[in-house]
Amino acid sequence: MRRHNCRHPMKARLLPACLVLAFWGLAPLTTQAAAEPLRPNILFILADDLGRNDVGFMGGTDIKTPNLDQLAKEGAVLDAFYVQPVCSPTRAAFLTGRYPGRLGLQVGVIRPYATYGLGLEERMLPQALQEAGYETAIAGKWHLGTITPDYLPTRRGFDHQYGHYLGALDYFTHKRDGGHDWHRNDKVNHDEGYTTELIGREAVRRIRERDKSKPLFLYVPFNAVHSPHQVPESYLEPYANLKGVRRTYAGMVAAMDEAVGHILDAVKEEGLSDSTLILFSSDNGGPRPGVVTDNGLYRAGKGTLYEGGVRVAASATWPGHIKGGITINEPMHIVDFYPTLLKLAGASLEQKQPLDGRDIWPVLTEGKPSPHESILVNITPAEGAVRVGDWKLVRRTPVMGQLPRRREIVELYYLKGDPYEKTNLAESETAKLDELRAILDRYAKESIPPKQAPMAADFKVPEIWGE
């Protein structure tokens, strides 16, 4: 990774106004005095709990994903793309450009009974894009708080909302903990059907019925393929060779891929392919690898700080701007989408809160190295991990009951030679260990306490998302 002169790893540096990027297909690959923002339509498709190797473009063979594979083939596979270990933190990082430790969302997910959410003081991506003249829409899973109406999507910058607020809802009844969790424009909605298909259908509708005088930002966070594992019988038929929950999961992946195909067809039919940047990612690594999901050879899965938990299937596609058929191995993090998209849109990067994301457009289009001197995997009171260059530190304090043990577990890996984290070099590479420890400690000092709270004994389904 390229090193910056930034004194602190969590302080973002805005690029000087005189630094201008050259873009594929728009101009020769030379520096220009003043580049106009490209202002593309932006489509971000987010899978939920998808195994890294459960798509063909990452090497998977068990499950057929022709639409996601074609999308990646037309663009770049992001081989070292990092997210958070679980879903609410990943969504918060994407929409703010800030590590969840800054937000108090670094531990767990936002539950139905939570009395907190993504802070209202945060400037969010759709709000900034609205300011830049974009139409904004979300079709799918929110999962960033429902305490009051002010926490809901249409109060946080989205012109249009469709889908659900929480995780793990029933795919057919749309219920979670006895409450009905399906909404349009933050009002209860009773559309019937399989949620994956409904989300895909809504995304298609938003593309077709968009305000053609504005560029469109469409965020499509599927609840697929998160549990409960449910899918129409027709999607199971091609996977008779698989057994148990793995077969059902495969059908769910196939259903999501089909919905993505309908969305991509709508983009093409509307003549938007040349003016639309399409991003795809999972929100974390696959859970229960080897039983339900497949993270390939990467260690562990969802909820962990190892590569299998945070290094996910991802791609970026825009014909004429991002070269097709390539794989980018430079480390990037989902926080990077925030400043990158705002810059492309011509939106202001001026805000009170410091950014952790970096502009990765030169990485995607010009083969430049990662702009990060370090990438924070996560930091909590009990554990943390950071990647610096090709080195990664994982630090854990195991908890027994309510009390942390005194003995800290420290692991140091050289990912270039050991991407699957098999050889702990903490004892032999003490100087590198001390370097990464100091960086992780600085991240810890800039984090705020986790907002996560236990479930109240008198918990009831919140009226704001109930009937």
Protein backbone atom coordinates (compact mmCIF):
# COMPACT_ATOMS: atom_id res chain seq x y z
CA MET A 1 0.00 0.00 0.00
CA ARG A 2 1.14 3.52 -0.69
CA ARG A 3 2.04 5.54 2.39
CA HIS A 4 0.70 9.03 2.98
CA ASN A 5 1.94 11.88 5.08
CA CYS A 6 -1.18 11.61 7.24
CA ARG A 7 -0.14 11.80 10.87
CA HIS A 8 -3.04 9.75 12.09
CA PRO A 9 -4.48 6.58 10.49
CA MET A 10 -8.09 7.68 10.96
CA LYS A 11 -7.74 11.20 9.58
CA ALA A 12 -8.75 11.36 5.94
CA ARG A 13 -6.88 13.63 3.58
CA LEU A 14 -8.78 15.30 0.79
CA LEU A 15 -6.95 15.36 -2.50
CA PRO A 16 -5.83 18.83 -3.59
CA ALA A 17 -8.18 20.50 -6.04
CA CYS A 18 -5.39 20.68 -8.61
CA LEU A 19 -5.04 16.88 -8.69
CA VAL A 20 -7.20 15.59 -11.50
CA LEU A 21 -7.80 12.02 -12.53
CA ALA A 22 -7.81 10.71 -16.08
CA PHE A 23 -10.68 8.38 -16.86
CA TRP A 24 -11.00 5.44 -19.26
CA GLY A 25 -12.86 6.35 -22.44
CA LEU A 26 -13.38 10.04 -21.64
CA ALA A 27 -9.91 11.44 -22.19
CA PRO A 28 -6.34 10.34 -22.81
CA LEU A 29 -4.66 8.91 -19.75
CA THR A 30 -2.99 12.22 -18.86
CA THR A 31 -3.40 14.74 -16.07
CA GLN A 32 -5.74 17.59 -17.01
CA ALA A 33 -6.06 21.02 -15.48
CA ALA A 34 -9.72 20.74 -14.51
CA ALA A 35 -11.83 17.59 -14.84
CA GLU A 36 -15.59 17.82 -14.65
CA PRO A 37 -17.33 15.28 -12.40
CA LEU A 38 -18.57 12.29 -14.39
CA ARG A 39 -21.96 12.18 -12.59
CA PRO A 40 -22.81 8.56 -13.43
CA ASN A 41 -25.89 6.72 -12.35
CA ILE A 42 -24.78 4.63 -9.37
CA LEU A 43 -26.13 1.15 -8.70
CA PHE A 44 -24.82 -0.67 -5.62
CA ILE A 45 -25.99 -4.26 -5.13
CA LEU A 46 -25.23 -5.71 -1.69
CA ALA A 47 -25.65 -9.40 -0.86
CA ASP A 48 -26.21 -10.54 2.73
CA ASP A 49 -24.03 -13.34 4.19
CA LEU A 50 -22.75 -14.49 0.79
CA GLY A 51 -19.82 -16.89 0.79
CA ARG A 52 -16.80 -15.58 -1.09
CA ASN A 53 -16.62 -18.68 -3.32
CA ASP A 54 -20.36 -19.00 -3.83
CA VAL A 55 -20.20 -16.97 -7.05
CA GLY A 56 -18.51 -18.16 -10.20
CA PHE A 57 -16.37 -15.07 -10.70
CA MET A 58 -14.55 -15.80 -7.44
CA GLY A 59 -13.90 -19.39 -8.43
CA GLY A 60 -17.02 -21.13 -7.14
CA THR A 61 -18.42 -24.09 -9.05
CA ASP A 62 -21.26 -25.44 -6.88
CA ILE A 63 -23.73 -22.63 -7.59
CA LYS A 64 -24.51 -21.03 -10.94
CA THR A 65 -24.38 -17.22 -10.92
CA PRO A 66 -24.35 -16.26 -14.62
CA ASN A 67 -25.53 -12.68 -14.14
CA LEU A 68 -23.09 -11.76 -11.40
CA ASP A 69 -20.33 -13.50 -13.35
CA GLN A 70 -21.12 -11.55 -16.51
CA LEU A 71 -21.22 -8.31 -14.54
CA ALA A 72 -17.77 -9.01 -13.10
CA LYS A 73 -16.45 -10.06 -16.52
CA GLU A 74 -17.47 -6.71 -17.96
CA GLY A 75 -15.63 -4.93 -15.17
CA ALA A 76 -13.07 -5.57 -12.45
CA VAL A 77 -13.03 -8.28 -9.80
CA LEU A 78 -11.99 -6.72 -6.47
CA ASP A 79 -9.91 -9.49 -4.94
CA ALA A 80 -8.87 -7.69 -1.75
CA PHE A 81 -12.08 -5.87 -0.88
CA TYR A 82 -12.79 -5.56 2.84
CA VAL A 83 -16.03 -5.06 4.76
CA GLN A 84 -17.01 -5.48 8.42
CA PRO A 85 -17.49 -8.87 10.15
CA VAL A 86 -21.30 -8.43 10.36
CA CYS A 87 -23.94 -6.51 8.49
CA SER A 88 -25.09 -3.33 10.32
CA PRO A 89 -21.50 -2.09 10.66
CA THR A 90 -20.84 -2.72 6.96
CA ARG A 91 -23.92 -0.75 5.94
CA ALA A 92 -22.97 2.10 8.26
CA ALA A 93 -19.44 2.17 6.86
CA PHE A 94 -20.72 2.31 3.28
CA LEU A 95 -23.21 5.10 3.92
CA THR A 96 -20.86 7.31 5.98
CA GLY A 97 -17.35 6.57 4.74
CA ARG A 98 -16.38 6.10 8.40
CA TYR A 99 -15.23 3.07 10.35
CA PRO A 100 -17.97 1.76 12.68
CA GLY A 101 -15.74 2.34 15.71
CA ARG A 102 -16.33 6.05 15.20
CA LEU A 103 -20.08 5.42 15.21
CA GLY A 104 -20.43 3.09 18.19
CA LEU A 105 -21.60 0.36 15.82
CA GLN A 106 -18.52 -1.85 15.95
CA VAL A 107 -20.13 -4.65 17.98
CA GLY A 108 -22.94 -6.86 16.68
CA VAL A 109 -25.94 -5.68 14.68
CA ILE A 110 -28.87 -3.37 15.40
CA ARG A 111 -31.60 -5.57 16.84
CA PRO A 112 -35.38 -4.94 16.70
CA TYR A 113 -35.35 -3.87 20.34
CA ALA A 114 -32.37 -1.52 19.98
CA THR A 115 -32.72 1.96 21.44
CA TYR A 116 -29.99 3.28 19.17
CA GLY A 117 -29.13 3.51 15.51
CA LEU A 118 -26.75 5.21 13.14
CA GLY A 119 -26.37 8.64 14.73
CA LEU A 120 -28.51 11.43 13.29
CA GLU A 121 -25.48 13.71 13.30
CA GLU A 122 -23.87 11.62 10.57
CA ARG A 123 -23.84 12.95 7.01
CA MET A 124 -24.97 10.10 4.80
CA LEU A 125 -24.17 9.22 1.21
CA PRO A 126 -27.73 9.67 -0.14
CA GLN A 127 -28.01 13.07 1.57
CA ALA A 128 -24.80 14.23 -0.07
CA LEU A 129 -25.91 12.87 -3.44
CA GLN A 130 -29.27 14.61 -3.10
CA GLU A 131 -27.39 17.86 -2.57
CA ALA A 132 -25.56 17.14 -5.83
CA GLY A 133 -28.83 16.73 -7.74
CA TYR A 134 -29.25 12.94 -7.63
CA GLU A 135 -32.47 10.99 -7.26
CA THR A 136 -31.90 8.46 -4.47
CA ALA A 137 -33.57 5.13 -3.70
CA ILE A 138 -33.14 2.08 -1.50
CA ALA A 139 -34.77 -1.28 -2.28
CA GLY A 140 -34.02 -3.89 0.34
CA LYS A 141 -32.65 -4.10 3.87
CA TRP A 142 -32.01 -1.01 6.03
CA HIS A 143 -30.75 -2.34 9.41
CA LEU A 144 -29.49 1.01 10.74
CA GLY A 145 -32.11 1.88 13.35
CA THR A 146 -35.83 2.46 13.78
CA ILE A 147 -36.06 4.29 17.11
CA THR A 148 -38.04 7.21 15.74
CA PRO A 149 -39.12 8.23 12.22
CA ASP A 150 -36.00 10.39 11.98
CA TYR A 151 -33.91 7.21 11.78
CA LEU A 152 -35.79 5.81 8.78
CA PRO A 153 -34.47 5.91 5.18
CA THR A 154 -36.69 8.72 3.84
CA ARG A 155 -35.38 10.97 6.65
CA ARG A 156 -31.77 10.01 5.88
CA GLY A 157 -31.54 11.08 2.27
CA PHE A 158 -33.54 8.55 0.27
CA ASP A 159 -36.29 9.87 -2.01
CA HIS A 160 -37.72 6.35 -2.29
CA GLN A 161 -37.71 3.41 0.11
CA TYR A 162 -38.93 -0.16 -0.33
CA GLY A 163 -38.21 -3.26 1.72
CA HIS A 164 -37.50 -4.02 5.37
CA TYR A 165 -35.84 -2.39 8.33
CA LEU A 166 -34.41 -5.41 10.15
CA GLY A 167 -32.56 -8.62 9.46
CA ALA A 168 -33.62 -12.27 9.47
CA LEU A 169 -37.22 -11.71 8.45
CA ASP A 170 -39.32 -14.49 6.94
CA TYR A 171 -38.89 -14.39 3.14
CA PHE A 172 -42.56 -15.20 2.52
CA THR A 173 -44.56 -13.68 5.40
CA HIS A 174 -42.23 -10.65 5.87
CA LYS A 175 -42.45 -11.00 9.66
CA ARG A 176 -39.71 -10.67 12.27
CA ASP A 177 -40.36 -11.36 15.96
CA GLY A 178 -44.09 -11.26 15.31
CA GLY A 179 -44.00 -7.85 13.63
CA HIS A 180 -44.69 -7.09 9.99
CA ASP A 181 -41.49 -5.68 8.49
CA TRP A 182 -42.22 -4.58 4.93
CA HIS A 183 -42.54 -0.95 3.90
CA ARG A 184 -42.80 1.47 1.03
CA ASN A 185 -41.63 5.04 1.64
CA ASP A 186 -41.50 4.17 5.34
CA LYS A 187 -45.17 3.23 5.51
CA VAL A 188 -46.41 -0.33 6.10
CA ASN A 189 -46.76 -2.24 2.82
CA HIS A 190 -48.44 -5.61 2.23
CA ASP A 191 -47.05 -6.70 -1.13
CA GLU A 192 -47.03 -10.48 -1.22
CA GLY A 193 -44.21 -12.60 -2.50
CA TYR A 194 -40.67 -13.86 -1.99
CA THR A 195 -38.59 -10.96 -0.75
CA THR A 196 -35.69 -11.51 -3.16
CA GLU A 197 -38.03 -11.28 -6.12
CA LEU A 198 -39.87 -8.27 -4.68
CA ILE A 199 -36.63 -6.35 -4.14
CA GLY A 200 -35.43 -7.12 -7.64
CA ARG A 201 -38.77 -6.07 -9.10
CA GLU A 202 -38.72 -2.78 -7.20
CA ALA A 203 -35.19 -2.02 -8.36
CA VAL A 204 -36.29 -2.57 -11.95
CA ARG A 205 -39.27 -0.27 -11.41
CA ARG A 206 -37.09 2.47 -9.97
CA ILE A 207 -34.79 2.30 -12.98
CA ARG A 208 -37.69 2.48 -15.44
CA GLU A 209 -39.61 5.17 -13.57
CA ARG A 210 -36.63 7.31 -12.57
CA ASP A 211 -36.61 11.07 -12.98
CA LYS A 212 -34.79 11.24 -16.30
CA SER A 213 -33.64 14.80 -15.60
CA LYS A 214 -31.40 13.55 -12.78
CA PRO A 215 -28.75 10.87 -12.32
CA LEU A 216 -29.93 7.98 -10.14
CA PHE A 217 -28.36 6.49 -7.01
CA LEU A 218 -29.98 3.09 -6.43
CA TYR A 219 -28.92 1.06 -3.40
CA VAL A 220 -30.12 -2.57 -3.53
CA PRO A 221 -29.23 -4.39 -0.28
CA PHE A 222 -30.83 -7.83 -0.64
CA ASN A 223 -31.70 -9.78 2.50
CA ALA A 224 -30.61 -12.80 0.47
CA VAL A 225 -28.87 -15.02 1.34
CA HIS A 226 -29.19 -14.49 5.10
CA SER A 227 -31.08 -16.99 7.23
CA PRO A 228 -33.81 -18.14 7.58
CA HIS A 229 -32.93 -20.33 4.63
CA GLN A 230 -36.05 -20.26 2.48
CA VAL A 231 -36.57 -20.41 -1.26
CA PRO A 232 -39.31 -21.38 -3.73
CA GLU A 233 -39.10 -25.06 -4.71
CA SER A 234 -38.28 -24.24 -8.33
CA TYR A 235 -34.85 -22.93 -7.33
CA LEU A 236 -33.98 -26.19 -5.57
CA GLU A 237 -34.37 -28.42 -8.61
CA PRO A 238 -30.96 -27.71 -10.23
CA TYR A 239 -29.17 -28.51 -6.94
CA ALA A 240 -30.30 -32.04 -6.17
CA ASN A 241 -26.63 -32.97 -5.80
CA LEU A 242 -26.35 -30.78 -2.70
CA LYS A 243 -27.73 -31.79 0.66
CA GLY A 244 -29.60 -30.13 3.51
CA VAL A 245 -29.26 -26.42 4.15
CA ARG A 246 -26.50 -26.12 1.54
CA ARG A 247 -29.03 -27.03 -1.16
CA THR A 248 -31.54 -24.45 0.07
CA TYR A 249 -28.79 -21.84 0.29
CA ALA A 250 -27.71 -22.61 -3.29
CA GLY A 251 -31.28 -22.01 -4.45
CA MET A 252 -31.32 -18.69 -2.59
CA VAL A 253 -28.10 -17.58 -4.29
CA ALA A 254 -29.56 -18.57 -7.66
CA ALA A 255 -32.74 -16.60 -6.94
CA MET A 256 -30.69 -13.53 -6.05
CA ASP A 257 -28.60 -13.90 -9.20
CA GLU A 258 -31.78 -14.08 -11.27
CA ALA A 259 -33.08 -10.89 -9.63
CA VAL A 260 -29.75 -9.21 -10.38
CA GLY A 261 -30.16 -10.30 -14.00
CA HIS A 262 -33.51 -8.52 -14.22
CA ILE A 263 -31.93 -5.36 -12.79
CA LEU A 264 -29.06 -5.48 -15.28
CA ASP A 265 -31.52 -6.06 -18.13
CA ALA A 266 -33.42 -2.93 -17.09
CA VAL A 267 -30.19 -0.90 -17.10
CA LYS A 268 -29.44 -2.06 -20.65
CA GLU A 269 -32.99 -1.68 -21.93
CA GLU A 270 -33.10 1.88 -20.63
CA GLY A 271 -29.89 2.65 -22.48
CA LEU A 272 -27.97 3.34 -19.25
CA SER A 273 -25.07 0.90 -19.53
CA ASP A 274 -22.58 3.54 -20.63
CA SER A 275 -23.65 5.99 -17.93
CA THR A 276 -23.97 3.65 -14.93
CA LEU A 277 -21.35 2.56 -12.42
CA ILE A 278 -22.39 -0.81 -10.94
CA LEU A 279 -20.85 -2.06 -7.71
CA PHE A 280 -21.40 -5.44 -6.09
CA SER A 281 -20.31 -6.81 -2.73
CA SER A 282 -21.32 -9.04 0.14
CA ASP A 283 -21.78 -7.41 3.54
CA ASN A 284 -19.52 -9.93 5.29
CA GLY A 285 -18.06 -13.36 4.76
CA GLY A 286 -20.24 -16.43 4.64
CA PRO A 287 -21.41 -17.93 7.95
CA ARG A 288 -20.81 -21.60 8.84
CA PRO A 289 -18.29 -22.14 6.05
CA GLY A 290 -18.12 -25.73 4.90
CA VAL A 291 -21.68 -26.39 6.03
CA VAL A 292 -23.77 -23.58 4.57
CA THR A 293 -21.38 -21.30 2.69
CA ASP A 294 -18.03 -21.54 0.93
CA ASN A 295 -15.33 -18.93 1.61
CA GLY A 296 -12.76 -20.87 -0.35
CA LEU A 297 -9.42 -21.33 1.40
CA TYR A 298 -9.78 -18.15 3.41
CA ARG A 299 -9.87 -18.68 7.14
CA ALA A 300 -13.14 -18.73 9.10
CA GLY A 301 -16.22 -16.68 8.22
CA LYS A 302 -18.86 -14.21 9.32
CA GLY A 303 -18.32 -12.57 12.69
CA THR A 304 -14.56 -13.12 12.71
CA LEU A 305 -11.62 -10.85 11.95
CA TYR A 306 -9.97 -13.42 9.71
CA GLU A 307 -10.00 -13.02 5.94
CA GLY A 308 -12.95 -15.37 5.52
CA GLY A 309 -15.05 -13.01 7.63
CA VAL A 310 -14.14 -9.70 6.02
CA ARG A 311 -12.58 -10.24 2.56
CA VAL A 312 -15.54 -10.77 0.29
CA ALA A 313 -16.71 -11.28 -3.27
CA ALA A 314 -16.89 -7.88 -4.97
CA SER A 315 -16.78 -6.25 -8.40
CA ALA A 316 -16.94 -2.84 -10.06
CA THR A 317 -18.26 -2.32 -13.59
CA TRP A 318 -18.56 0.66 -15.90
CA PRO A 319 -17.82 0.04 -19.59
CA GLY A 320 -15.45 2.60 -21.04
CA HIS A 321 -14.18 3.64 -17.60
CA ILE A 322 -13.24 0.49 -15.71
CA LYS A 323 -11.37 -1.98 -17.88
CA GLY A 324 -13.20 -5.28 -18.28
CA GLY A 325 -11.87 -8.72 -17.48
CA ILE A 326 -9.31 -7.63 -14.88
CA THR A 327 -8.66 -8.51 -11.26
CA ILE A 328 -7.51 -5.80 -8.84
CA ASN A 329 -5.47 -7.08 -5.92
CA GLU A 330 -4.98 -3.74 -4.17
CA PRO A 331 -6.60 -3.61 -0.70
CA MET A 332 -9.74 -1.49 -0.51
CA HIS A 333 -12.49 -1.07 2.08
CA ILE A 334 -16.19 -0.36 1.75
CA VAL A 335 -15.63 3.04 3.43
CA ASP A 336 -13.86 4.02 0.21
CA PHE A 337 -17.07 4.08 -1.82
CA TYR A 338 -18.29 7.19 0.03
CA PRO A 339 -15.59 9.68 -1.05
CA THR A 340 -15.14 7.98 -4.43
CA LEU A 341 -18.82 8.25 -5.35
CA LEU A 342 -19.17 11.78 -4.03
CA LYS A 343 -16.21 12.90 -6.09
CA LEU A 344 -17.59 11.23 -9.23
CA ALA A 345 -20.96 12.88 -8.58
CA GLY A 346 -19.49 16.34 -8.06
CA ALA A 347 -20.78 16.37 -4.48
CA SER A 348 -19.01 18.22 -1.70
CA LEU A 349 -16.63 16.35 0.58
CA GLU A 350 -16.79 19.15 3.13
CA GLN A 351 -18.26 17.87 6.40
CA LYS A 352 -17.75 18.00 10.15
CA GLN A 353 -16.99 14.31 10.63
CA PRO A 354 -13.57 13.02 9.54
CA LEU A 355 -13.59 10.42 6.78
CA ASP A 356 -11.76 7.11 6.78
CA GLY A 357 -12.53 6.29 3.16
CA ARG A 358 -10.13 7.19 0.37
CA ASP A 359 -10.76 7.96 -3.28
CA ILE A 360 -10.16 4.62 -5.04
CA TRP A 361 -11.11 5.76 -8.55
CA PRO A 362 -7.44 5.78 -9.66
CA VAL A 363 -7.12 2.21 -8.34
CA LEU A 364 -10.16 1.08 -10.31
CA THR A 365 -9.32 2.87 -13.54
CA GLU A 366 -5.58 3.48 -13.74
CA GLY A 367 -4.02 0.57 -11.87
CA LYS A 368 -2.78 2.81 -9.07
CA PRO A 369 -1.83 1.31 -5.70
CA SER A 370 -4.17 1.39 -2.73
CA PRO A 371 -4.34 4.87 -1.16
CA HIS A 372 -4.41 3.35 2.33
CA GLU A 373 -1.43 3.25 4.64
CA SER A 374 -3.57 1.00 6.85
CA ILE A 375 -7.01 -0.58 6.78
CA LEU A 376 -8.88 -1.11 10.02
CA VAL A 377 -10.61 -4.49 9.97
CA ASN A 378 -12.43 -3.70 13.22
CA ILE A 379 -11.81 -2.58 16.78
CA THR A 380 -13.90 -3.47 19.85
CA PRO A 381 -13.14 -3.61 23.59
CA ALA A 382 -12.38 -7.33 23.22
CA GLU A 383 -10.65 -7.63 19.84
CA GLY A 384 -9.23 -5.81 16.87
CA ALA A 385 -7.42 -6.29 13.58
CA VAL A 386 -5.59 -4.04 11.15
CA ARG A 387 -3.93 -4.56 7.76
CA VAL A 388 -0.81 -2.54 6.95
CA GLY A 389 0.69 -3.30 3.56
CA ASP A 390 0.77 -7.08 3.34
CA TRP A 391 0.88 -7.50 7.11
CA LYS A 392 -2.14 -8.15 9.31
CA LEU A 393 -2.45 -8.07 13.08
CA VAL A 394 -5.28 -9.88 14.88
CA ARG A 395 -5.59 -9.25 18.60
CA ARG A 396 -8.16 -10.91 20.85
CA THR A 397 -8.93 -11.02 24.55
CA PRO A 398 -11.10 -14.11 25.07
CA VAL A 399 -14.10 -13.63 27.30
CA MET A 400 -15.17 -16.16 29.94
CA GLY A 401 -18.62 -15.37 31.23
CA GLN A 402 -18.77 -11.61 31.72
CA LEU A 403 -15.07 -11.14 32.44
CA PRO A 404 -12.26 -10.94 29.89
CA ARG A 405 -9.32 -13.22 30.49
CA ARG A 406 -6.03 -11.52 31.19
CA ARG A 407 -4.07 -13.39 28.53
CA GLU A 408 -4.23 -11.65 25.19
CA ILE A 409 -3.99 -13.65 21.98
CA VAL A 410 -1.90 -11.91 19.34
CA GLU A 411 -1.51 -13.11 15.75
CA LEU A 412 0.59 -11.61 12.97
CA TYR A 413 0.27 -12.76 9.36
CA TYR A 414 2.11 -11.91 6.15
CA LEU A 415 -0.77 -12.04 3.71
CA LYS A 416 1.31 -11.88 0.54
CA GLY A 417 2.89 -15.24 1.32
CA ASP A 418 0.20 -16.55 3.65
CA PRO A 419 -3.22 -15.28 2.52
CA TYR A 420 -5.00 -18.05 4.40
CA GLU A 421 -3.54 -17.03 7.79
CA LYS A 422 -1.91 -20.34 8.71
CA THR A 423 1.43 -19.16 10.11
CA ASN A 424 1.48 -16.82 13.09
CA LEU A 425 4.68 -14.71 12.96
CA ALA A 426 4.07 -12.72 16.14
CA GLU A 427 7.04 -14.24 17.97
CA SER A 428 9.55 -13.97 15.13
CA GLU A 429 8.60 -10.56 13.65
CA THR A 430 8.53 -8.50 16.82
CA ALA A 431 9.39 -5.16 15.18
CA LYS A 432 6.52 -5.50 12.69
CA LEU A 433 4.25 -6.63 15.51
CA ASP A 434 5.05 -3.51 17.53
CA GLU A 435 4.42 -1.31 14.47
CA LEU A 436 0.96 -2.74 13.86
CA ARG A 437 0.13 -2.73 17.57
CA ALA A 438 0.77 1.00 17.71
CA ILE A 439 -1.49 1.63 14.72
CA LEU A 440 -4.30 -0.50 16.15
CA ASP A 441 -3.95 1.26 19.51
CA ARG A 442 -4.42 4.64 17.81
CA TYR A 443 -7.56 3.39 16.12
CA ALA A 444 -8.82 2.19 19.51
CA LYS A 445 -8.27 5.62 21.05
CA GLU A 446 -10.37 7.27 18.35
CA SER A 447 -13.27 4.84 18.74
CA ILE A 448 -16.26 5.51 20.94
CA PRO A 449 -17.85 2.89 23.24
CA PRO A 450 -20.17 0.39 21.50
CA LYS A 451 -23.84 1.31 21.61
CA GLN A 452 -24.96 -2.32 21.77
CA ALA A 453 -27.32 -3.02 24.67
CA PRO A 454 -28.99 -6.20 26.01
CA MET A 455 -32.60 -7.00 25.21
CA ALA A 456 -35.10 -5.51 27.65
CA ALA A 457 -37.24 -7.99 29.58
CA ASP A 458 -40.40 -6.15 28.50
CA PHE A 459 -39.45 -6.03 24.80
CA LYS A 460 -42.37 -5.59 22.40
CA VAL A 461 -42.37 -5.31 18.63
CA PRO A 462 -41.75 -1.61 17.86
CA GLU A 463 -44.86 0.09 16.53
CA ILE A 464 -42.79 2.01 14.01
CA TRP A 465 -42.29 -1.11 11.94
CA GLY A 466 -45.29 -3.14 13.07
CA GLU A 467 -48.87 -3.22 11.86
